[in-house]
Every structure is written in structure tokens, then in C-alpha cells.
Amino acid sequence: MKDSIYTIPLSEMFEPKDGCPICRLRNMLEERCLEYIMGAAMMEPDIRIQTNEAGFCHAHFERMLKAKNRLSLALMLESRLAYVAENMLTVQPEKGGLFRKKTPDAERQTPSCFVCNEVERVMERMLHTLLHTWEKEESFRQLYGEQPLICLEHCQRLTALAPAVMGKKAAPFVTETQRITRQYLEELQKDVTHFCRMYDYRNKGKDWGNSRDAIERSIAFLTTRKPREEK
């Protein structure tokens, strides 16, 4: 797949200072991947082979449905279903009641997703770039330190990856990353507690402060995904 579609400057992800920049990066990569495969790439044989083999997860099927390009999605489903029929229902009975799996795909039990695989591949590379940039550029270190939030999952991922990429120089990065996450977590805890207290009849009419969306922000912090808005 053409990596040029994933060219996203780090500054573009960090300058807004709104939410977790790593979540924003992941979301942008997903958008670009989905736009690409739902567009002209849908008819590229090498892309169709990959999407046929990997398929898509439920979350990304939903995103493709929302793109309102039902013909593109139907064409991909047509070839994906043909692939499934040919390669993933091939368990054959043998004598003695045992079963023989004819192809490697027939052994696969866990679901896969072309978009998830692509995003993860590019994310890994871009996180390496982030760490190298933080190490070399003072201006980026300052921008990084000004972030209001790095969600729990991405904090853990960055702090686990840093020693492998930066070696002994990882300690300041890990400290700064955990500072950002812990500071936000402490504020979040206060907001959730305040939200709960506002349901006490004795607090009726009092100021909710920043707690009204504390549930949604907590879910996003813990899962990297904002909950869907009710229609």
C-alpha cells in the first residue's frame, strides 16, 4: 500500500493541544486508510487481495457504511465472501472422526482487519519517529510537554517503547509522558467524584463545574475511543 497517503507531520498532531495526540494520529491514519480503500484503490488487484485475506473488523465496517459509498463496500464484500467460501470453510472429516484442515486460513480462529493491520504498521513507525524527534529537537520537546492529555493506553505504549528506541536516554521522556498522563488523571478523578456528588439531593442546584462530560472523558482516557453520541 502506498505509504505516501500516511504522510502526517508530527506537529499537525500535536499543535491542536486538544485531547490525546496519539489518538488523533491513530484516527487520522484510519481516515486516510478508509478513504483510500473505498476510492480508486478498491480496484487495485494487490489491495483487493489483501482486503480479501484480512477482512475488516466490525468497527471499520461501520465506518465504511457511514462513508455512504455502498457500491464500493459491496464489491469488496463480494470478493471477500468468495475468498471465505474458497479458503476458510475447508475442514474435512477423516476416518476415525478426526478432522483435517486443508489450508492455513482454515486454522485461523481470531478475526483480523485490513485497516487495523495497516494502522498498526504505520503507527509503530511513526511512534519511533516521535521518540527520535523528541530526543533531537528542543522545540518538539516543548510542544510535547504542553499536551493536556496522553491517554492511558498510549502512555503505556510510549513508555514501553522508549527504552528500546532511546536506550538509557529514555528516562526523561518516560518521566514527562507519565507526568502528562498522571496530571490529567488526577483532574479526571476529581471531575468524576464531583459528578457523583451532584446526584446527592443536598447538592441540587449547585455548580457542576467540568464534571458533566466526566463519564465520556473517562471512557476515552481508558479506551482511546470516545463513546458514540446517542441519536
C-alpha atoms as a PDB file:
ATOM      1  CA  MET A   1       0.000   0.000   0.000  1.00  0.00           C
ATOM      2  CA  LYS A   2       1.273   3.480  -0.816  1.00  0.00           C
ATOM      3  CA  ASP A   3       2.830   4.916   2.329  1.00  0.00           C
ATOM      4  CA  SER A   4       2.563   8.422   0.869  1.00  0.00           C
ATOM      5  CA  ILE A   5      -1.078   8.556   1.974  1.00  0.00           C
ATOM      6  CA  TYR A   6       0.114   8.296   5.579  1.00  0.00           C
ATOM      7  CA  THR A   7       2.482  11.268   5.455  1.00  0.00           C
ATOM      8  CA  ILE A   8       1.403  13.255   8.519  1.00  0.00           C
ATOM      9  CA  PRO A   9       3.766  15.778  10.164  1.00  0.00           C
ATOM     10  CA  LEU A  10       4.032  15.250  13.915  1.00  0.00           C
ATOM     11  CA  SER A  11       3.405  18.937  14.504  1.00  0.00           C
ATOM     12  CA  GLU A  12       0.000  18.552  12.839  1.00  0.00           C
ATOM     13  CA  MET A  13      -0.977  16.055  15.519  1.00  0.00           C
ATOM     14  CA  PHE A  14       0.484  17.941  18.489  1.00  0.00           C
ATOM     15  CA  GLU A  15      -0.295  21.588  17.760  1.00  0.00           C
ATOM     16  CA  PRO A  16      -4.076  21.471  18.462  1.00  0.00           C
ATOM     17  CA  LYS A  17      -3.444  20.627  22.161  1.00  0.00           C
ATOM     18  CA  ASP A  18      -6.883  19.087  22.385  1.00  0.00           C
ATOM     19  CA  GLY A  19      -7.164  15.532  23.678  1.00  0.00           C
ATOM     20  CA  CYS A  20      -4.589  12.783  23.214  1.00  0.00           C
ATOM     21  CA  PRO A  21      -2.314  13.481  20.210  1.00  0.00           C
ATOM     22  CA  ILE A  22      -1.625   9.775  19.708  1.00  0.00           C
ATOM     23  CA  CYS A  23      -5.357   9.058  19.491  1.00  0.00           C
ATOM     24  CA  ARG A  24      -5.592  11.900  16.988  1.00  0.00           C
ATOM     25  CA  LEU A  25      -2.776  10.332  14.959  1.00  0.00           C
ATOM     26  CA  ARG A  26      -4.485   6.927  15.004  1.00  0.00           C
ATOM     27  CA  ASN A  27      -7.791   8.477  13.947  1.00  0.00           C
ATOM     28  CA  MET A  28      -6.148  10.327  11.062  1.00  0.00           C
ATOM     29  CA  LEU A  29      -4.437   7.161   9.841  1.00  0.00           C
ATOM     30  CA  GLU A  30      -7.737   5.296   9.958  1.00  0.00           C
ATOM     31  CA  GLU A  31      -9.490   8.022   7.977  1.00  0.00           C
ATOM     32  CA  ARG A  32      -6.827   8.048   5.272  1.00  0.00           C
ATOM     33  CA  CYS A  33      -6.747   4.260   5.003  1.00  0.00           C
ATOM     34  CA  LEU A  34     -10.534   4.027   4.725  1.00  0.00           C
ATOM     35  CA  GLU A  35     -10.716   6.807   2.145  1.00  0.00           C
ATOM     36  CA  TYR A  36      -8.010   5.098   0.110  1.00  0.00           C
ATOM     37  CA  ILE A  37      -9.523   1.618   0.009  1.00  0.00           C
ATOM     38  CA  MET A  38     -13.040   2.950  -0.582  1.00  0.00           C
ATOM     39  CA  GLY A  39     -11.780   5.024  -3.506  1.00  0.00           C
ATOM     40  CA  ALA A  40      -9.716   4.146  -6.563  1.00  0.00           C
ATOM     41  CA  ALA A  41      -7.609   1.613  -4.628  1.00  0.00           C
ATOM     42  CA  MET A  42     -10.659  -0.619  -4.390  1.00  0.00           C
ATOM     43  CA  MET A  43      -9.963  -1.768  -7.956  1.00  0.00           C
ATOM     44  CA  GLU A  44      -6.220  -2.317  -7.466  1.00  0.00           C
ATOM     45  CA  PRO A  45      -5.603  -6.096  -7.557  1.00  0.00           C
ATOM     46  CA  ASP A  46      -2.938  -6.105  -4.824  1.00  0.00           C
ATOM     47  CA  ILE A  47      -5.194  -4.167  -2.440  1.00  0.00           C
ATOM     48  CA  ARG A  48      -8.166  -6.434  -3.141  1.00  0.00           C
ATOM     49  CA  ILE A  49      -6.022  -9.486  -2.442  1.00  0.00           C
ATOM     50  CA  GLN A  50      -5.029  -8.037   0.935  1.00  0.00           C
ATOM     51  CA  THR A  51      -8.560  -6.999   1.903  1.00  0.00           C
ATOM     52  CA  ASN A  52      -9.907 -10.381   0.805  1.00  0.00           C
ATOM     53  CA  GLU A  53      -7.428 -12.162   3.049  1.00  0.00           C
ATOM     54  CA  ALA A  54      -7.597  -9.904   6.099  1.00  0.00           C
ATOM     55  CA  GLY A  55     -11.221  -8.753   6.014  1.00  0.00           C
ATOM     56  CA  PHE A  56     -12.420  -5.972   8.329  1.00  0.00           C
ATOM     57  CA  CYS A  57     -13.464  -5.663  11.951  1.00  0.00           C
ATOM     58  CA  HIS A  58     -16.953  -4.580  12.951  1.00  0.00           C
ATOM     59  CA  ALA A  59     -15.846  -1.050  13.886  1.00  0.00           C
ATOM     60  CA  HIS A  60     -14.302  -0.409  10.480  1.00  0.00           C
ATOM     61  CA  PHE A  61     -17.226  -1.975   8.640  1.00  0.00           C
ATOM     62  CA  GLU A  62     -19.406   0.583  10.422  1.00  0.00           C
ATOM     63  CA  ARG A  63     -17.087   3.390   9.378  1.00  0.00           C
ATOM     64  CA  MET A  64     -17.251   2.238   5.763  1.00  0.00           C
ATOM     65  CA  LEU A  65     -21.044   2.119   5.908  1.00  0.00           C
ATOM     66  CA  LYS A  66     -21.106   5.710   7.125  1.00  0.00           C
ATOM     67  CA  ALA A  67     -18.997   6.735   4.113  1.00  0.00           C
ATOM     68  CA  LYS A  68     -22.153   6.264   2.012  1.00  0.00           C
ATOM     69  CA  ASN A  69     -20.315   4.510  -0.802  1.00  0.00           C
ATOM     70  CA  ARG A  70     -22.297   1.302  -0.703  1.00  0.00           C
ATOM     71  CA  LEU A  71     -21.195   0.075  -4.125  1.00  0.00           C
ATOM     72  CA  SER A  72     -17.504   0.121  -3.154  1.00  0.00           C
ATOM     73  CA  LEU A  73     -18.280  -1.719   0.053  1.00  0.00           C
ATOM     74  CA  ALA A  74     -20.476  -4.256  -1.746  1.00  0.00           C
ATOM     75  CA  LEU A  75     -17.745  -5.008  -4.292  1.00  0.00           C
ATOM     76  CA  MET A  76     -15.233  -5.622  -1.509  1.00  0.00           C
ATOM     77  CA  LEU A  77     -17.728  -7.812   0.313  1.00  0.00           C
ATOM     78  CA  GLU A  78     -18.398  -9.779  -2.860  1.00  0.00           C
ATOM     79  CA  SER A  79     -14.758 -10.775  -3.269  1.00  0.00           C
ATOM     80  CA  ARG A  80     -14.226 -11.209   0.492  1.00  0.00           C
ATOM     81  CA  LEU A  81     -17.159 -13.633   0.723  1.00  0.00           C
ATOM     82  CA  ALA A  82     -15.825 -15.560  -2.263  1.00  0.00           C
ATOM     83  CA  TYR A  83     -12.442 -15.806  -0.534  1.00  0.00           C
ATOM     84  CA  VAL A  84     -14.076 -17.034   2.686  1.00  0.00           C
ATOM     85  CA  ALA A  85     -16.054 -19.683   0.797  1.00  0.00           C
ATOM     86  CA  GLU A  86     -12.946 -20.895  -1.009  1.00  0.00           C
ATOM     87  CA  ASN A  87     -10.404 -20.795   1.816  1.00  0.00           C
ATOM     88  CA  MET A  88     -11.961 -20.684   5.268  1.00  0.00           C
ATOM     89  CA  LEU A  89     -14.579 -23.450   5.227  1.00  0.00           C
ATOM     90  CA  THR A  90     -12.330 -26.290   4.217  1.00  0.00           C
ATOM     91  CA  VAL A  91     -12.208 -28.520   7.280  1.00  0.00           C
ATOM     92  CA  GLN A  92     -12.685 -32.079   6.030  1.00  0.00           C
ATOM     93  CA  PRO A  93     -13.644 -35.190   8.045  1.00  0.00           C
ATOM     94  CA  GLU A  94     -11.316 -38.157   8.055  1.00  0.00           C
ATOM     95  CA  LYS A  95     -11.634 -41.724   9.188  1.00  0.00           C
ATOM     96  CA  GLY A  96     -11.864 -42.188  12.936  1.00  0.00           C
ATOM     97  CA  GLY A  97     -13.832 -38.979  13.476  1.00  0.00           C
ATOM     98  CA  LEU A  98     -10.800 -36.686  13.204  1.00  0.00           C
ATOM     99  CA  PHE A  99     -10.665 -33.575  11.036  1.00  0.00           C
ATOM    100  CA  ARG A 100      -8.069 -32.339   8.617  1.00  0.00           C
ATOM    101  CA  LYS A 101      -7.536 -28.644   7.878  1.00  0.00           C
ATOM    102  CA  LYS A 102      -6.725 -28.182   4.196  1.00  0.00           C
ATOM    103  CA  THR A 103      -5.360 -24.628   4.298  1.00  0.00           C
ATOM    104  CA  PRO A 104      -3.619 -22.327   6.797  1.00  0.00           C
ATOM    105  CA  ASP A 105      -6.579 -19.925   6.614  1.00  0.00           C
ATOM    106  CA  ALA A 106      -8.899 -22.661   7.822  1.00  0.00           C
ATOM    107  CA  GLU A 107      -6.896 -22.764  11.077  1.00  0.00           C
ATOM    108  CA  ARG A 108      -7.270 -19.060  11.802  1.00  0.00           C
ATOM    109  CA  GLN A 109      -9.648 -18.515  14.709  1.00  0.00           C
ATOM    110  CA  THR A 110      -9.128 -14.867  15.640  1.00  0.00           C
ATOM    111  CA  PRO A 111     -10.700 -12.131  13.489  1.00  0.00           C
ATOM    112  CA  SER A 112      -8.451  -9.826  11.507  1.00  0.00           C
ATOM    113  CA  CYS A 113      -8.856  -6.447   9.853  1.00  0.00           C
ATOM    114  CA  PHE A 114      -7.009  -4.861   6.954  1.00  0.00           C
ATOM    115  CA  VAL A 115      -7.432  -1.337   8.367  1.00  0.00           C
ATOM    116  CA  CYS A 116      -6.301  -2.326  11.871  1.00  0.00           C
ATOM    117  CA  ASN A 117      -3.232  -4.035  10.408  1.00  0.00           C
ATOM    118  CA  GLU A 118      -2.342  -1.041   8.224  1.00  0.00           C
ATOM    119  CA  VAL A 119      -2.833   1.492  11.007  1.00  0.00           C
ATOM    120  CA  GLU A 120      -0.751  -0.558  13.430  1.00  0.00           C
ATOM    121  CA  ARG A 121       2.057  -0.910  10.895  1.00  0.00           C
ATOM    122  CA  VAL A 122       2.256   2.844  10.293  1.00  0.00           C
ATOM    123  CA  MET A 123       1.678   3.735  13.955  1.00  0.00           C
ATOM    124  CA  GLU A 124       4.704   1.719  15.005  1.00  0.00           C
ATOM    125  CA  ARG A 125       6.889   3.573  12.528  1.00  0.00           C
ATOM    126  CA  MET A 126       5.522   6.985  13.474  1.00  0.00           C
ATOM    127  CA  LEU A 127       5.970   6.363  17.190  1.00  0.00           C
ATOM    128  CA  HIS A 128       9.629   5.598  16.511  1.00  0.00           C
ATOM    129  CA  THR A 129       9.840   8.900  14.644  1.00  0.00           C
ATOM    130  CA  LEU A 130       8.169  10.669  17.576  1.00  0.00           C
ATOM    131  CA  LEU A 131      10.750   9.325  20.015  1.00  0.00           C
ATOM    132  CA  HIS A 132      13.694  10.260  17.797  1.00  0.00           C
ATOM    133  CA  THR A 133      12.249  13.745  17.258  1.00  0.00           C
ATOM    134  CA  TRP A 134      11.708  14.266  20.984  1.00  0.00           C
ATOM    135  CA  GLU A 135      15.307  13.266  21.597  1.00  0.00           C
ATOM    136  CA  LYS A 136      16.785  15.614  18.973  1.00  0.00           C
ATOM    137  CA  GLU A 137      14.532  18.699  18.822  1.00  0.00           C
ATOM    138  CA  GLU A 138      14.040  21.068  21.762  1.00  0.00           C
ATOM    139  CA  SER A 139      11.031  22.721  20.094  1.00  0.00           C
ATOM    140  CA  PHE A 140       9.224  19.389  19.856  1.00  0.00           C
ATOM    141  CA  ARG A 141      10.055  18.540  23.472  1.00  0.00           C
ATOM    142  CA  GLN A 142       8.402  21.792  24.481  1.00  0.00           C
ATOM    143  CA  LEU A 143       5.352  21.110  22.295  1.00  0.00           C
ATOM    144  CA  TYR A 144       5.106  17.587  23.700  1.00  0.00           C
ATOM    145  CA  GLY A 145       5.235  18.859  27.266  1.00  0.00           C
ATOM    146  CA  GLU A 146       2.355  21.270  26.579  1.00  0.00           C
ATOM    147  CA  GLN A 147      -0.080  18.477  25.742  1.00  0.00           C
ATOM    148  CA  PRO A 148      -3.136  18.396  28.025  1.00  0.00           C
ATOM    149  CA  LEU A 149      -3.510  14.637  27.784  1.00  0.00           C
ATOM    150  CA  ILE A 150      -1.920  11.382  26.715  1.00  0.00           C
ATOM    151  CA  CYS A 151      -4.437   8.593  27.262  1.00  0.00           C
ATOM    152  CA  LEU A 152      -3.625   5.596  29.417  1.00  0.00           C
ATOM    153  CA  GLU A 153      -3.075   3.090  26.607  1.00  0.00           C
ATOM    154  CA  HIS A 154      -0.807   5.364  24.603  1.00  0.00           C
ATOM    155  CA  CYS A 155       1.110   6.428  27.700  1.00  0.00           C
ATOM    156  CA  GLN A 156       1.814   2.773  28.429  1.00  0.00           C
ATOM    157  CA  ARG A 157       2.760   2.073  24.841  1.00  0.00           C
ATOM    158  CA  LEU A 158       5.147   5.015  24.579  1.00  0.00           C
ATOM    159  CA  THR A 159       6.830   4.331  27.897  1.00  0.00           C
ATOM    160  CA  ALA A 160       7.289   0.657  26.977  1.00  0.00           C
ATOM    161  CA  LEU A 161       8.706   1.511  23.532  1.00  0.00           C
ATOM    162  CA  ALA A 162      11.015   4.335  24.631  1.00  0.00           C
ATOM    163  CA  PRO A 163      13.817   2.218  26.203  1.00  0.00           C
ATOM    164  CA  ALA A 164      14.073   0.070  23.068  1.00  0.00           C
ATOM    165  CA  VAL A 165      14.380   3.129  20.822  1.00  0.00           C
ATOM    166  CA  MET A 166      16.219   5.621  23.045  1.00  0.00           C
ATOM    167  CA  GLY A 167      18.204   3.353  25.322  1.00  0.00           C
ATOM    168  CA  LYS A 168      19.392   4.976  28.545  1.00  0.00           C
ATOM    169  CA  LYS A 169      18.164   8.362  27.312  1.00  0.00           C
ATOM    170  CA  ALA A 170      14.559   7.203  27.652  1.00  0.00           C
ATOM    171  CA  ALA A 171      14.190   8.142  31.329  1.00  0.00           C
ATOM    172  CA  PRO A 172      13.366  11.868  30.814  1.00  0.00           C
ATOM    173  CA  PHE A 173      10.836  11.006  28.108  1.00  0.00           C
ATOM    174  CA  VAL A 174       9.141   8.388  30.280  1.00  0.00           C
ATOM    175  CA  THR A 175       9.014  10.815  33.208  1.00  0.00           C
ATOM    176  CA  GLU A 176       7.478  13.574  31.070  1.00  0.00           C
ATOM    177  CA  THR A 177       4.933  11.259  29.460  1.00  0.00           C
ATOM    178  CA  GLN A 178       3.774   9.886  32.789  1.00  0.00           C
ATOM    179  CA  ARG A 179       3.605  13.419  34.218  1.00  0.00           C
ATOM    180  CA  ILE A 180       1.184  14.469  31.479  1.00  0.00           C
ATOM    181  CA  THR A 181      -0.973  11.374  31.915  1.00  0.00           C
ATOM    182  CA  ARG A 182      -0.978  11.482  35.709  1.00  0.00           C
ATOM    183  CA  GLN A 183      -1.851  15.182  35.785  1.00  0.00           C
ATOM    184  CA  TYR A 184      -4.863  14.599  33.549  1.00  0.00           C
ATOM    185  CA  LEU A 185      -5.864  11.501  35.528  1.00  0.00           C
ATOM    186  CA  GLU A 186      -5.921  13.467  38.769  1.00  0.00           C
ATOM    187  CA  GLU A 187      -8.179  16.113  37.212  1.00  0.00           C
ATOM    188  CA  LEU A 188     -10.397  13.405  35.755  1.00  0.00           C
ATOM    189  CA  GLN A 189     -10.779  11.684  39.114  1.00  0.00           C
ATOM    190  CA  LYS A 190     -11.891  14.948  40.707  1.00  0.00           C
ATOM    191  CA  ASP A 191     -14.442  15.548  37.951  1.00  0.00           C
ATOM    192  CA  VAL A 192     -15.900  12.031  38.229  1.00  0.00           C
ATOM    193  CA  THR A 193     -16.159  12.349  42.001  1.00  0.00           C
ATOM    194  CA  HIS A 194     -17.841  15.735  41.637  1.00  0.00           C
ATOM    195  CA  PHE A 195     -20.252  14.242  39.075  1.00  0.00           C
ATOM    196  CA  CYS A 196     -21.237  11.526  41.546  1.00  0.00           C
ATOM    197  CA  ARG A 197     -21.726  14.039  44.367  1.00  0.00           C
ATOM    198  CA  MET A 198     -24.048  16.146  42.221  1.00  0.00           C
ATOM    199  CA  TYR A 199     -26.617  13.346  42.460  1.00  0.00           C
ATOM    200  CA  ASP A 200     -26.851  13.915  46.215  1.00  0.00           C
ATOM    201  CA  TYR A 201     -30.065  15.854  46.847  1.00  0.00           C
ATOM    202  CA  ARG A 202     -28.133  18.205  49.104  1.00  0.00           C
ATOM    203  CA  ASN A 203     -26.173  19.458  46.084  1.00  0.00           C
ATOM    204  CA  LYS A 204     -29.220  20.219  43.965  1.00  0.00           C
ATOM    205  CA  GLY A 205     -28.739  23.499  42.096  1.00  0.00           C
ATOM    206  CA  LYS A 206     -25.000  23.661  42.724  1.00  0.00           C
ATOM    207  CA  ASP A 207     -22.374  24.144  40.013  1.00  0.00           C
ATOM    208  CA  TRP A 208     -21.453  21.029  38.027  1.00  0.00           C
ATOM    209  CA  GLY A 209     -18.097  22.577  37.080  1.00  0.00           C
ATOM    210  CA  ASN A 210     -16.294  20.484  34.455  1.00  0.00           C
ATOM    211  CA  SER A 211     -17.957  17.252  35.525  1.00  0.00           C
ATOM    212  CA  ARG A 212     -20.889  16.999  33.094  1.00  0.00           C
ATOM    213  CA  ASP A 213     -18.863  15.085  30.479  1.00  0.00           C
ATOM    214  CA  ALA A 214     -16.651  13.290  33.010  1.00  0.00           C
ATOM    215  CA  ILE A 215     -18.056   9.882  32.047  1.00  0.00           C
ATOM    216  CA  GLU A 216     -17.331  10.364  28.349  1.00  0.00           C
ATOM    217  CA  ARG A 217     -13.842  11.712  29.024  1.00  0.00           C
ATOM    218  CA  SER A 218     -13.085   8.807  31.355  1.00  0.00           C
ATOM    219  CA  ILE A 219     -14.119   6.277  28.717  1.00  0.00           C
ATOM    220  CA  ALA A 220     -11.915   7.998  26.133  1.00  0.00           C
ATOM    221  CA  PHE A 221      -8.975   8.082  28.579  1.00  0.00           C
ATOM    222  CA  LEU A 222      -9.302   4.386  29.394  1.00  0.00           C
ATOM    223  CA  THR A 223     -10.120   3.033  25.915  1.00  0.00           C
ATOM    224  CA  THR A 224      -8.680   5.606  23.407  1.00  0.00           C
ATOM    225  CA  ARG A 225     -12.183   5.930  21.889  1.00  0.00           C
ATOM    226  CA  LYS A 226     -14.885   8.467  22.595  1.00  0.00           C
ATOM    227  CA  PRO A 227     -18.279   6.852  23.217  1.00  0.00           C
ATOM    228  CA  ARG A 228     -20.828   7.214  20.462  1.00  0.00           C
ATOM    229  CA  GLU A 229     -23.294  10.011  20.865  1.00  0.00           C
ATOM    230  CA  GLU A 230     -26.900   8.954  21.309  1.00  0.00           C
ATOM    231  CA  LYS A 231     -29.126   9.796  18.363  1.00  0.00           C
END
